[in-house]
Amino acid sequence: MMTNCLALMGNMSWLGWLMPLTVLSLLGLGIAALIKYLFTSTRTSTGARS
């Protein structure tokens, strides 16, 4: 399966290599943003309320 995927990516020139890298980096950024949101929202809600 890996050889088929690499062969398909090779046939698509630079776009075949750019698209998976872009999807993986966007997924990583989304996970990092979610983790940051979850950890920072719990700490700020414990402050004094006016």
N, C-alpha and C. Protein backbone atom coordinates (compact mmCIF):
# COMPACT_ATOMS: atom_id res chain seq x y z
N MET A 1 0.83 -1.20 0.00
CA MET A 1 0.00 0.00 0.00
C MET A 1 0.87 1.26 0.00
N MET A 2 1.96 1.21 0.75
CA MET A 2 2.84 2.38 0.81
C MET A 2 3.47 2.66 -0.56
N THR A 3 3.82 1.61 -1.29
CA THR A 3 4.42 1.83 -2.60
C THR A 3 3.41 2.40 -3.58
N ASN A 4 2.16 1.99 -3.48
CA ASN A 4 1.12 2.55 -4.34
C ASN A 4 0.90 4.03 -4.05
N CYS A 5 0.91 4.36 -2.76
CA CYS A 5 0.72 5.76 -2.37
C CYS A 5 1.88 6.62 -2.85
N LEU A 6 3.10 6.13 -2.69
CA LEU A 6 4.26 6.90 -3.14
C LEU A 6 4.29 7.03 -4.65
N ALA A 7 3.85 5.99 -5.36
CA ALA A 7 3.81 6.06 -6.81
C ALA A 7 2.77 7.09 -7.28
N LEU A 8 1.64 7.13 -6.61
CA LEU A 8 0.61 8.11 -6.95
C LEU A 8 1.08 9.52 -6.66
N MET A 9 1.76 9.70 -5.51
CA MET A 9 2.28 11.02 -5.17
C MET A 9 3.36 11.45 -6.15
N GLY A 10 4.15 10.51 -6.64
CA GLY A 10 5.19 10.84 -7.62
C GLY A 10 4.60 11.24 -8.96
N ASN A 11 3.47 10.66 -9.33
CA ASN A 11 2.83 11.00 -10.59
C ASN A 11 2.16 12.37 -10.56
N MET A 12 1.82 12.86 -9.38
CA MET A 12 1.14 14.14 -9.26
C MET A 12 2.11 15.31 -9.13
N SER A 13 3.37 15.09 -9.29
CA SER A 13 4.45 16.08 -9.17
C SER A 13 4.45 16.72 -7.78
N TRP A 14 4.65 18.05 -7.71
CA TRP A 14 4.80 18.71 -6.41
C TRP A 14 3.50 18.79 -5.64
N LEU A 15 2.36 18.76 -6.31
CA LEU A 15 1.08 18.84 -5.63
C LEU A 15 0.80 17.60 -4.81
N GLY A 16 1.28 16.46 -5.28
CA GLY A 16 1.10 15.22 -4.54
C GLY A 16 1.87 15.19 -3.23
N TRP A 17 2.94 15.94 -3.14
CA TRP A 17 3.71 16.01 -1.89
C TRP A 17 3.24 17.17 -1.02
N LEU A 18 2.71 18.22 -1.63
CA LEU A 18 2.30 19.39 -0.86
C LEU A 18 0.99 19.15 -0.11
N MET A 19 0.04 18.47 -0.74
CA MET A 19 -1.26 18.28 -0.11
C MET A 19 -1.21 17.45 1.18
N PRO A 20 -0.54 16.30 1.22
CA PRO A 20 -0.49 15.56 2.50
C PRO A 20 0.25 16.32 3.60
N LEU A 21 1.31 17.02 3.24
CA LEU A 21 2.04 17.81 4.25
C LEU A 21 1.17 18.94 4.79
N THR A 22 0.39 19.56 3.92
CA THR A 22 -0.50 20.63 4.35
C THR A 22 -1.59 20.10 5.27
N VAL A 23 -2.17 18.98 4.91
CA VAL A 23 -3.24 18.40 5.74
C VAL A 23 -2.70 17.99 7.10
N LEU A 24 -1.52 17.37 7.13
CA LEU A 24 -0.95 16.96 8.41
C LEU A 24 -0.58 18.16 9.28
N SER A 25 -0.05 19.22 8.68
CA SER A 25 0.30 20.40 9.48
C SER A 25 -0.94 21.12 9.98
N LEU A 26 -1.99 21.20 9.19
CA LEU A 26 -3.22 21.81 9.65
C LEU A 26 -3.86 21.00 10.77
N LEU A 27 -3.79 19.68 10.65
CA LEU A 27 -4.32 18.83 11.70
C LEU A 27 -3.53 19.00 12.99
N GLY A 28 -2.23 19.09 12.88
CA GLY A 28 -1.40 19.31 14.06
C GLY A 28 -1.66 20.66 14.71
N LEU A 29 -1.83 21.69 13.89
CA LEU A 29 -2.14 23.01 14.45
C LEU A 29 -3.51 23.03 15.12
N GLY A 30 -4.46 22.32 14.54
CA GLY A 30 -5.79 22.25 15.15
C GLY A 30 -5.77 21.54 16.48
N ILE A 31 -5.01 20.46 16.57
CA ILE A 31 -4.91 19.73 17.84
C ILE A 31 -4.19 20.59 18.88
N ALA A 32 -3.13 21.29 18.46
CA ALA A 32 -2.41 22.15 19.39
C ALA A 32 -3.30 23.29 19.89
N ALA A 33 -4.11 23.86 19.01
CA ALA A 33 -5.01 24.94 19.42
C ALA A 33 -6.08 24.42 20.38
N LEU A 34 -6.57 23.22 20.13
CA LEU A 34 -7.57 22.63 21.02
C LEU A 34 -6.99 22.37 22.40
N ILE A 35 -5.79 21.84 22.45
CA ILE A 35 -5.14 21.58 23.74
C ILE A 35 -4.88 22.88 24.48
N LYS A 36 -4.42 23.91 23.75
CA LYS A 36 -4.17 25.20 24.40
C LYS A 36 -5.47 25.80 24.92
N TYR A 37 -6.54 25.69 24.16
CA TYR A 37 -7.82 26.22 24.60
C TYR A 37 -8.33 25.51 25.84
N LEU A 38 -8.19 24.19 25.86
CA LEU A 38 -8.68 23.43 27.01
C LEU A 38 -7.90 23.74 28.28
N PHE A 39 -6.59 23.90 28.16
CA PHE A 39 -5.79 24.13 29.36
C PHE A 39 -5.84 25.59 29.82
N THR A 40 -5.99 26.54 28.90
CA THR A 40 -6.02 27.94 29.33
C THR A 40 -7.41 28.35 29.79
N SER A 41 -8.46 27.74 29.29
CA SER A 41 -9.80 28.15 29.70
C SER A 41 -10.12 27.70 31.12
N THR A 42 -9.53 26.60 31.57
CA THR A 42 -9.82 26.15 32.93
C THR A 42 -9.09 27.00 33.96
N ARG A 43 -7.94 27.55 33.62
CA ARG A 43 -7.18 28.35 34.57
C ARG A 43 -7.76 29.76 34.71
N THR A 44 -8.25 30.35 33.63
CA THR A 44 -8.74 31.72 33.70
C THR A 44 -10.13 31.79 34.34
N SER A 45 -10.88 30.70 34.32
CA SER A 45 -12.23 30.75 34.88
C SER A 45 -12.23 30.67 36.40
N THR A 46 -11.09 30.40 37.02
CA THR A 46 -11.05 30.30 38.48
C THR A 46 -10.75 31.63 39.15
N GLY A 47 -10.63 32.70 38.38
CA GLY A 47 -10.31 34.01 38.96
C GLY A 47 -11.51 34.63 39.64
N ALA A 48 -11.30 35.81 40.22
CA ALA A 48 -12.38 36.52 40.93
C ALA A 48 -13.39 37.04 39.92
N ARG A 49 -14.64 36.94 40.29
CA ARG A 49 -15.72 37.42 39.43
C ARG A 49 -16.27 38.72 39.99
N SER A 50 -16.58 39.65 39.11
CA SER A 50 -17.08 40.93 39.58
C SER A 50 -18.59 41.00 39.48
